[in-house]
Protein backbone atom coordinates (compact mmCIF):
# COMPACT_ATOMS: atom_id res chain seq x y z
CA UNK A 1 -5.12 20.83 -15.20
CA UNK A 2 -2.17 20.50 -12.89
CA UNK A 3 -2.01 18.11 -10.21
CA UNK A 4 -0.04 17.46 -6.93
CA UNK A 5 0.80 14.16 -5.58
CA UNK A 6 1.97 13.82 -2.24
CA UNK A 7 4.63 10.97 -1.45
CA UNK A 8 8.04 9.52 -2.40
CA UNK A 9 7.92 5.92 -3.33
CA UNK A 10 7.03 3.42 -6.08
CA UNK A 11 3.26 3.73 -5.13
CA UNK A 12 3.52 7.66 -5.77
CA UNK A 13 5.36 7.23 -9.05
CA UNK A 14 2.51 4.76 -10.41
CA UNK A 15 -0.01 7.31 -9.39
CA UNK A 16 1.48 10.30 -10.77
CA UNK A 17 2.58 8.62 -13.94
CA UNK A 18 -0.86 7.15 -14.30
CA UNK A 19 -2.41 10.80 -14.18
CA UNK A 20 0.03 12.48 -16.37
CA UNK A 21 -1.55 10.03 -19.35
CA UNK A 22 -4.67 12.01 -19.31
CA UNK A 23 -5.30 14.28 -21.98
CA UNK A 24 -6.84 16.41 -19.31
CA UNK A 25 -3.57 16.90 -17.48
CA UNK A 26 -0.89 19.32 -18.63
CA UNK A 27 1.57 18.99 -15.51
CA UNK A 28 1.99 16.60 -12.15
CA UNK A 29 4.01 17.38 -9.68
CA UNK A 30 5.19 14.96 -6.95
CA UNK A 31 6.39 16.19 -3.34
CA UNK A 32 8.79 15.37 -2.46
CA UNK A 33 9.17 12.43 -4.85
CA UNK A 34 12.28 10.64 -5.73
CA UNK A 35 14.66 11.34 -8.82
CA UNK A 36 13.69 8.46 -10.72
CA UNK A 37 10.46 9.84 -11.61
CA UNK A 38 11.75 12.60 -13.43
CA UNK A 39 12.58 10.12 -16.31
CA UNK A 40 8.96 9.85 -16.95
CA UNK A 41 8.26 13.49 -17.02
CA UNK A 42 7.16 14.26 -13.38
CA UNK A 43 8.18 17.46 -11.87
CA UNK A 44 9.51 17.12 -8.22
CA UNK A 45 8.80 19.72 -5.21
CA UNK A 46 11.12 19.87 -2.37
CA UNK A 47 8.79 19.93 0.11
CA UNK A 48 8.45 17.07 2.88
CA UNK A 49 4.85 15.53 3.64
CA UNK A 50 4.83 16.80 6.63
CA UNK A 51 5.03 20.38 5.49
CA UNK A 52 1.40 21.18 5.38
CA UNK A 53 1.48 25.07 5.40
CA UNK A 54 3.95 25.20 2.36
CA UNK A 55 2.49 22.28 0.25
CA UNK A 56 -0.83 24.32 0.57
CA UNK A 57 0.73 27.63 -0.60
CA UNK A 58 2.45 25.65 -3.21
CA UNK A 59 -0.98 24.40 -4.52
CA UNK A 60 -2.44 27.77 -4.40
CA UNK A 61 0.19 29.20 -6.11
CA UNK A 62 0.43 26.59 -8.98
CA UNK A 63 -3.22 26.49 -9.68
CA UNK A 64 -3.55 22.82 -8.80
CA UNK A 65 -6.95 21.12 -9.37
CA UNK A 66 -6.55 18.74 -6.77
CA UNK A 67 -3.91 16.81 -4.65
CA UNK A 68 -3.71 13.02 -4.47
CA UNK A 69 -2.27 12.15 -0.83
CA UNK A 70 -0.29 8.67 -1.13
CA UNK A 71 1.27 8.07 2.49
CA UNK A 72 -0.22 6.65 5.42
CA UNK A 73 1.74 8.81 7.93
CA UNK A 74 0.52 12.10 5.89
CA UNK A 75 -3.32 11.14 6.18
CA UNK A 76 -2.77 10.20 9.73
CA UNK A 77 -1.32 13.79 10.46
CA UNK A 78 -4.37 15.27 8.56
CA UNK A 79 -2.90 16.80 5.73
CA UNK A 80 -6.37 16.61 3.79
CA UNK A 81 -8.07 17.89 6.55
CA UNK A 82 -5.51 20.91 6.31
CA UNK A 83 -6.13 21.22 2.63
CA UNK A 84 -9.93 21.21 2.81
CA UNK A 85 -9.87 23.81 5.64
CA UNK A 86 -7.79 26.18 3.36
CA UNK A 87 -10.48 25.58 0.34
CA UNK A 88 -8.35 23.16 -1.58
CA UNK A 89 -9.45 19.58 -2.94
CA UNK A 90 -7.72 16.64 -1.94
CA UNK A 91 -8.16 13.05 -2.71
CA UNK A 92 -7.61 10.79 0.21
CA UNK A 93 -9.57 10.16 3.82
CA UNK A 94 -9.84 12.86 6.52
CA UNK A 95 -7.55 12.23 9.65
CA UNK A 96 -10.85 10.92 11.72
CA UNK A 97 -11.72 8.66 8.29
CA UNK A 98 -8.24 7.24 8.21
CA UNK A 99 -8.29 5.98 11.76
CA UNK A 100 -9.25 2.88 10.10
CA UNK A 101 -5.42 2.03 9.51
CA UNK A 102 -3.82 4.36 12.03
CA UNK A 103 -5.18 2.74 14.80
CA UNK A 104 -5.66 -1.14 14.47
CA UNK A 105 -7.93 -1.07 17.70
CA UNK A 106 -10.09 1.31 16.18
CA UNK A 107 -10.64 -0.58 13.13
CA UNK A 108 -11.64 -3.59 15.24
CA UNK A 109 -13.92 -1.76 17.29
CA UNK A 110 -15.50 -0.74 14.00
CA UNK A 111 -15.67 -4.33 12.30
CA UNK A 112 -17.18 -5.63 15.52
CA UNK A 113 -19.75 -2.83 16.02
CA UNK A 114 -21.21 -3.37 11.96
CA UNK A 115 -20.76 -7.08 11.67
CA UNK A 116 -17.64 -7.35 9.69
CA UNK A 117 -15.72 -10.74 9.86
CA UNK A 118 -12.54 -10.42 11.28
CA UNK A 119 -10.00 -12.43 13.73
CA UNK A 120 -11.08 -12.36 17.35
CA UNK A 121 -9.02 -10.28 19.31
CA UNK A 122 -8.02 -7.96 22.55
CA UNK A 123 -6.24 -5.00 22.92
CA UNK A 124 -3.38 -4.00 25.28
CA UNK A 125 -1.33 -1.33 26.67
CA UNK A 126 0.01 -3.26 29.80
CA UNK A 127 2.50 -6.06 29.19
CA UNK A 128 1.50 -8.60 31.71
CA UNK A 129 -1.65 -8.77 30.69
CA UNK A 130 -0.88 -9.16 27.13
CA UNK A 131 1.55 -12.17 27.89
CA UNK A 132 -1.09 -13.73 30.00
CA UNK A 133 -3.63 -13.53 27.15
CA UNK A 134 -1.08 -14.74 24.66
CA UNK A 135 -0.21 -17.74 27.38
CA UNK A 136 -4.11 -18.66 27.48
CA UNK A 137 -4.72 -18.39 23.85
CA UNK A 138 -1.75 -20.40 22.58
CA UNK A 139 -0.08 -20.11 19.34
CA UNK A 140 -0.19 -19.49 16.33
CA UNK A 141 -1.15 -16.19 17.28
CA UNK A 142 -0.64 -12.55 15.67
CA UNK A 143 0.71 -9.45 17.47
CA UNK A 144 0.38 -5.79 16.07
CA UNK A 145 1.48 -2.54 16.97
CA UNK A 146 -1.47 -0.71 17.16
CA UNK A 147 -0.16 2.54 15.20
CA UNK A 148 1.45 3.09 11.80
CA UNK A 149 4.67 1.04 11.75
CA UNK A 150 5.84 1.08 7.79
CA UNK A 151 4.03 -2.40 7.24
CA UNK A 152 6.75 -3.69 9.84
CA UNK A 153 4.62 -4.00 13.04
CA UNK A 154 3.12 -7.23 12.46
CA UNK A 155 4.54 -10.62 14.02
CA UNK A 156 3.11 -13.72 13.14
CA UNK A 157 4.20 -15.92 16.25
CA UNK A 158 4.44 -19.76 15.70
CA UNK A 159 5.22 -20.20 19.10
CA UNK A 160 3.60 -18.71 22.57
CA UNK A 161 7.55 -17.17 23.09
CA UNK A 162 7.50 -15.62 20.05
CA UNK A 163 4.38 -13.68 20.64
CA UNK A 164 5.25 -13.02 24.30
CA UNK A 165 8.60 -11.51 22.89
CA UNK A 166 7.29 -9.46 20.23
CA UNK A 167 4.76 -7.96 22.86
CA UNK A 168 7.59 -7.08 25.05
CA UNK A 169 9.62 -5.48 22.24
CA UNK A 170 6.60 -3.13 21.76
CA UNK A 171 5.22 -2.44 24.60
CA UNK A 172 8.24 -2.53 26.92
CA UNK A 173 11.52 -1.71 24.69
CA UNK A 174 9.33 0.85 22.58
CA UNK A 175 10.13 -1.08 19.16
CA UNK A 176 7.66 1.21 17.22
CA UNK A 177 7.56 4.14 19.64
CA UNK A 178 4.20 5.75 20.33
CA UNK A 179 2.90 3.13 17.57
CA UNK A 180 3.54 0.31 19.62
CA UNK A 181 2.31 1.96 22.95
CA UNK A 182 -0.99 -0.70 22.47
CA UNK A 183 -0.82 -3.98 20.76
CA UNK A 184 -3.61 -6.01 19.40
CA UNK A 185 -3.48 -9.56 19.67
CA UNK A 186 -5.22 -11.52 17.41
CA UNK A 187 -6.78 -15.04 16.32
CA UNK A 188 -4.36 -16.58 13.95
CA UNK A 189 -6.29 -17.10 10.35
CA UNK A 190 -5.53 -19.50 8.07
CA UNK A 191 -6.30 -19.14 4.44
CA UNK A 192 -5.15 -17.27 1.30
CA UNK A 193 -4.39 -13.67 1.75
CA UNK A 194 -5.27 -11.02 -1.39
CA UNK A 195 -5.82 -7.37 -1.52
CA UNK A 196 -9.20 -5.74 -2.38
CA UNK A 197 -9.50 -1.77 -3.21
CA UNK A 198 -11.89 0.47 -3.60
CA UNK A 199 -12.14 4.19 -4.92
CA UNK A 200 -14.46 5.88 -2.50
CA UNK A 201 -16.66 8.92 -1.66
CA UNK A 202 -19.04 8.40 1.10
CA UNK A 203 -21.47 5.64 -0.08
CA UNK A 204 -19.99 5.89 -3.53
CA UNK A 205 -17.33 3.17 -4.31
CA UNK A 206 -15.60 1.69 -7.28
CA UNK A 207 -13.95 -1.97 -6.72
CA UNK A 208 -10.59 -2.53 -8.20
CA UNK A 209 -9.01 -5.62 -9.51
CA UNK A 210 -7.67 -8.24 -6.96
CA UNK A 211 -4.13 -8.10 -6.25
CA UNK A 212 -1.73 -10.57 -3.96
CA UNK A 213 1.38 -8.90 -2.20
CA UNK A 214 4.46 -10.84 -1.23
CA UNK A 215 5.38 -9.38 2.43
CA UNK A 216 8.23 -11.87 3.62
CA UNK A 217 11.66 -10.46 2.35
CA UNK A 218 12.88 -13.76 0.89
CA UNK A 219 11.94 -16.69 -1.30
CA UNK A 220 9.20 -19.32 0.35
CA UNK A 221 7.87 -16.46 2.33
CA UNK A 222 10.92 -16.72 4.39
CA UNK A 223 12.51 -13.94 6.53
CA UNK A 224 11.07 -10.56 8.02
CA UNK A 225 8.16 -8.75 7.32
CA UNK A 226 8.70 -5.81 4.67
CA UNK A 227 6.77 -3.17 2.83
CA UNK A 228 6.20 -5.72 0.13
CA UNK A 229 8.72 -7.15 -2.34
CA UNK A 230 6.29 -7.94 -5.31
CA UNK A 231 2.59 -8.64 -6.48
CA UNK A 232 0.45 -9.60 -9.31
CA UNK A 233 -3.16 -8.75 -10.46
CA UNK A 234 -5.80 -10.08 -10.84
CA UNK A 235 -5.52 -13.07 -8.79
CA UNK A 236 -6.52 -15.54 -11.23
CA UNK A 237 -7.56 -18.59 -9.04
CA UNK A 238 -9.91 -16.25 -6.64
CA UNK A 239 -13.77 -16.53 -7.82
CA UNK A 240 -15.80 -13.68 -8.76
CA UNK A 241 -18.30 -15.01 -5.97
CA UNK A 242 -15.55 -14.58 -3.29
CA UNK A 243 -14.90 -10.94 -4.36
CA UNK A 244 -18.83 -10.28 -4.29
CA UNK A 245 -19.15 -11.66 -0.86
CA UNK A 246 -16.34 -9.33 0.08
CA UNK A 247 -17.76 -6.50 -1.26
CA UNK A 248 -21.30 -7.26 0.50
CA UNK A 249 -20.03 -8.29 3.89
CA UNK A 250 -16.70 -6.21 4.03
CA UNK A 251 -16.58 -2.88 2.06
CA UNK A 252 -20.41 -1.92 2.35
CA UNK A 253 -20.76 -2.58 5.96
CA UNK A 254 -17.41 -0.46 6.69
CA UNK A 255 -18.52 2.36 4.44
CA UNK A 256 -22.16 2.59 5.84
CA UNK A 257 -20.82 2.11 9.32
CA UNK A 258 -18.01 5.05 8.71
CA UNK A 259 -21.28 7.41 7.82
CA UNK A 260 -23.01 6.40 10.75
CA UNK A 261 -19.95 7.29 13.05
CA UNK A 262 -19.73 10.65 10.99
CA UNK A 263 -16.50 9.77 9.61
CA UNK A 264 -17.94 9.56 6.19
CA UNK A 265 -14.78 8.31 3.85
CA UNK A 266 -13.07 9.73 0.72
CA UNK A 267 -10.25 8.19 -1.17
CA UNK A 268 -8.71 4.71 -1.45
CA UNK A 269 -9.88 1.92 0.85
CA UNK A 270 -7.56 -0.92 1.02
CA UNK A 271 -8.92 -4.14 2.68
CA UNK A 272 -6.05 -6.79 3.29
CA UNK A 273 -8.30 -10.00 3.05
CA UNK A 274 -7.86 -13.73 3.94
CA UNK A 275 -10.00 -16.31 2.34
CA UNK A 276 -10.83 -18.83 5.13
CA UNK A 277 -12.89 -22.05 5.24
CA UNK A 278 -15.46 -19.55 6.67
CA UNK A 279 -15.40 -17.11 3.94
CA UNK A 280 -13.33 -14.06 3.45
CA UNK A 281 -12.24 -12.04 6.76
CA UNK A 282 -10.20 -8.79 7.27
CA UNK A 283 -6.74 -8.76 8.33
CA UNK A 284 -6.10 -5.20 8.10
CA UNK A 285 -7.60 -1.93 6.65
CA UNK A 286 -5.17 0.59 4.88
CA UNK A 287 -6.48 4.39 4.04
CA UNK A 288 -4.67 4.26 0.65
CA UNK A 289 -3.29 2.64 -2.08
CA UNK A 290 -0.84 -0.29 -0.98
CA UNK A 291 2.52 -0.41 -2.23
CA UNK A 292 3.74 -2.59 -4.44
CA UNK A 293 -0.11 -3.20 -5.26
CA UNK A 294 -0.57 0.07 -7.09
CA UNK A 295 2.12 -0.19 -9.18
CA UNK A 296 0.37 -3.55 -10.80
CA UNK A 297 -2.95 -2.17 -10.58
CA UNK A 298 -2.96 0.86 -12.34
CA UNK A 299 -1.08 -0.47 -15.53
CA UNK A 300 -4.42 -2.75 -16.08
CA UNK A 301 -6.73 0.68 -15.69
CA UNK A 302 -7.46 1.74 -19.56
CA UNK A 303 -9.86 4.74 -18.68
CA UNK A 304 -8.64 8.11 -17.73
CA UNK A 305 -7.68 7.86 -14.21
CA UNK A 306 -7.51 11.93 -13.68
CA UNK A 307 -11.11 11.94 -15.12
CA UNK A 308 -11.96 9.15 -12.60
CA UNK A 309 -10.79 10.95 -9.57
CA UNK A 310 -11.79 14.34 -10.67
CA UNK A 311 -15.45 12.52 -10.74
CA UNK A 312 -15.33 10.72 -7.91
CA UNK A 313 -13.93 14.14 -6.03
CA UNK A 314 -17.06 15.54 -7.13
CA UNK A 315 -19.83 13.01 -6.61
CA UNK A 316 -20.09 12.55 -9.98
CA UNK A 317 -20.64 8.97 -11.43
CA UNK A 318 -17.84 7.44 -13.43
CA UNK A 319 -16.59 4.42 -15.61
CA UNK A 320 -13.36 2.70 -14.87
CA UNK A 321 -12.36 0.25 -17.29
CA UNK A 322 -9.76 -2.58 -17.24
CA UNK A 323 -7.42 -4.81 -19.54
CA UNK A 324 -9.38 -8.10 -19.92
CA UNK A 325 -7.26 -11.18 -19.35
CA UNK A 326 -3.77 -11.56 -18.80
CA UNK A 327 -1.84 -10.85 -15.48
CA UNK A 328 0.26 -7.81 -14.58
CA UNK A 329 3.36 -8.79 -12.30
CA UNK A 330 6.17 -6.71 -10.61
CA UNK A 331 9.08 -7.84 -8.86
CA UNK A 332 10.74 -5.25 -6.16
CA UNK A 333 14.44 -4.84 -6.27
CA UNK A 334 15.54 -3.70 -2.69
CA UNK A 335 19.11 -2.63 -0.77
CA UNK A 336 20.97 -5.49 0.44
CA UNK A 337 19.84 -5.54 4.42
CA UNK A 338 16.36 -4.28 3.76
CA UNK A 339 14.29 -4.19 5.79
CA UNK A 340 17.18 -3.76 8.48
CA UNK A 341 20.07 -1.83 7.94
CA UNK A 342 20.68 -1.30 4.51
CA UNK A 343 23.13 -0.05 2.11
CA UNK A 344 23.01 2.93 -0.27
CA UNK A 345 24.93 4.17 -3.35
CA UNK A 346 24.51 1.22 -5.40
CA UNK A 347 24.36 2.55 -9.28
CA UNK A 348 21.07 1.38 -10.76
CA UNK A 349 20.59 0.04 -14.27
CA UNK A 350 18.97 1.81 -16.85
CA UNK A 351 15.31 2.66 -16.89
CA UNK A 352 13.56 -0.27 -18.97
CA UNK A 353 11.92 0.51 -22.13
CA UNK A 354 8.75 -1.02 -24.08
CA UNK A 355 6.47 -3.50 -22.10
CA UNK A 356 8.50 -3.59 -19.00
CA UNK A 357 8.15 -0.70 -16.67
CA UNK A 358 10.30 0.67 -14.10
CA UNK A 359 8.66 2.30 -11.16
CA UNK A 360 11.25 4.27 -8.73
CA UNK A 361 11.02 4.40 -4.99
CA UNK A 362 14.54 5.01 -3.29
CA UNK A 363 16.30 6.55 -6.06
CA UNK A 364 18.78 9.35 -6.55
CA UNK A 365 21.09 10.87 -9.05
CA UNK A 366 24.73 10.87 -8.33
CA UNK A 367 26.54 14.27 -7.53
CA UNK A 368 27.58 14.45 -11.14
CA UNK A 369 24.23 13.67 -12.15
CA UNK A 370 24.89 10.81 -15.11
CA UNK A 371 23.78 7.95 -12.80
CA UNK A 372 20.65 6.95 -10.45
CA UNK A 373 21.78 5.45 -7.42
CA UNK A 374 20.10 3.50 -4.57
CA UNK A 375 18.58 5.67 -1.92
CA UNK A 376 16.12 3.74 0.29
CA UNK A 377 15.37 0.32 1.16
CA UNK A 378 13.04 -0.61 -1.78
CA UNK A 379 14.61 0.89 -4.68
CA UNK A 380 12.88 0.25 -7.89
CA UNK A 381 10.20 -2.19 -9.26
CA UNK A 382 9.90 -4.08 -12.83
CA UNK A 383 6.32 -4.36 -13.77
CA UNK A 384 4.81 -6.21 -17.19
CA UNK A 385 1.74 -7.78 -18.34
CA UNK A 386 1.52 -11.19 -20.09
CA UNK A 387 -0.97 -13.69 -20.70
CA UNK A 388 -0.61 -15.69 -17.63
CA UNK A 389 1.31 -15.29 -14.36
CA UNK A 390 4.37 -17.73 -15.53
CA UNK A 391 4.82 -15.77 -18.82
CA UNK A 392 5.01 -12.55 -16.99
CA UNK A 393 7.37 -14.18 -14.26
CA UNK A 394 9.45 -15.16 -17.23
CA UNK A 395 9.61 -11.87 -18.84
CA UNK A 396 10.80 -9.96 -15.43
CA UNK A 397 13.11 -12.35 -14.39
CA UNK A 398 14.81 -12.54 -17.81
CA UNK A 399 15.07 -8.96 -17.51
CA UNK A 400 16.54 -8.85 -13.94
CA UNK A 401 18.93 -11.93 -14.86
CA UNK A 402 20.59 -9.13 -17.54
CA UNK A 403 20.65 -6.26 -15.13
CA UNK A 404 23.67 -5.62 -12.87
CA UNK A 405 22.19 -5.75 -9.39
CA UNK A 406 24.93 -5.28 -6.97
CA UNK A 407 24.36 -4.21 -3.60
CA UNK A 408 20.74 -5.41 -4.32
CA UNK A 409 18.58 -8.27 -4.04
CA UNK A 410 15.03 -9.72 -5.25
CA UNK A 411 12.64 -12.37 -4.79
CA UNK A 412 12.57 -15.00 -7.42
CA UNK A 413 9.36 -16.35 -6.60
CA UNK A 414 6.69 -13.72 -6.70
CA UNK A 415 3.67 -14.90 -8.42
CA UNK A 416 4.28 -18.77 -7.86
CA UNK A 417 1.59 -18.99 -5.35
CA UNK A 418 -1.00 -18.58 -8.44
CA UNK A 419 1.25 -21.38 -9.96
CA UNK A 420 0.45 -23.80 -6.93
CA UNK A 421 4.12 -23.75 -6.09
């Protein structure tokens, strides 16, 4: 069968590459993709994620069996709904189900209604009311843009002044446009964060290995929030009992709640969780695979990913199998200046071969086509699997030390939390 993946980043590269490994799959198209993906035999389609009619026409013309929708904004724009209305299958939530991600206030309402553990909160569209609430609650406190903000709409404020400034930027200065027209102000939760993913169709779900993302730009979790600078899976020091509790108290009630709300969920459900002294609680939900977690989870999958998704789409039972033991770790290489204004045009190192995988995000061939150049904030990611976190770090950072990363930067401490550093 022929498949289509919608999106252009490292997440979509990992999804498409894994789908193409299936004996049942003859061709994987990626729209719009990025030039680095072609090095793995993927076919690019020069259509944007917002060109719904053109994407549907392409899928029909090319006899696409089904489409995997990667990015949050495509889901929030109802791409899956439009595909289904055209009689085409797509793996991803409807616009109404994806509201779990594109409205943090909606997600909070669902969690409160169905008894899912999360931080206490209040939602505001008026700055003075938000300011008064922040001053009443004190710091540390968290301020979030209600809508989508490319992973950058969350401020963990250590002082009341920082929180008030964040609310001001969102509500008065229009920093995130309509996404920040409302803000959710949350209780600060202390503990260790981890990511839990499930492949879902209504009341059918399959839990994936845990992962831990590194959101801050610089070593030691310093600097601004980014889309993610690296990750590893599974989280070796997280006991199975915590995962079981997370499924029982978070994943199951949310999926049952979405069915009760007539918003049955299909696709990838991402739960961003934190292990507090009172057990796991939800920081946020995403309605799709995380980036960079996808790039370190999918290499651990030993079953046929395309067959697994096909089964779930058709509500058939499926078996997902995983590497047992070891750790998969990945480091993102980003353009200097990211996540703010960043440079483009840096010449990228050659694609790695062997047991270190290169996934591309912001990459484009130069005008003469002989070299890949940086063309985005996050540019590429190196991923490997080893016996433990320390061994995986050593392999990745040894490779990076030998690459010319002029005009680029990366964190040197991805995975160190697992080592108690």
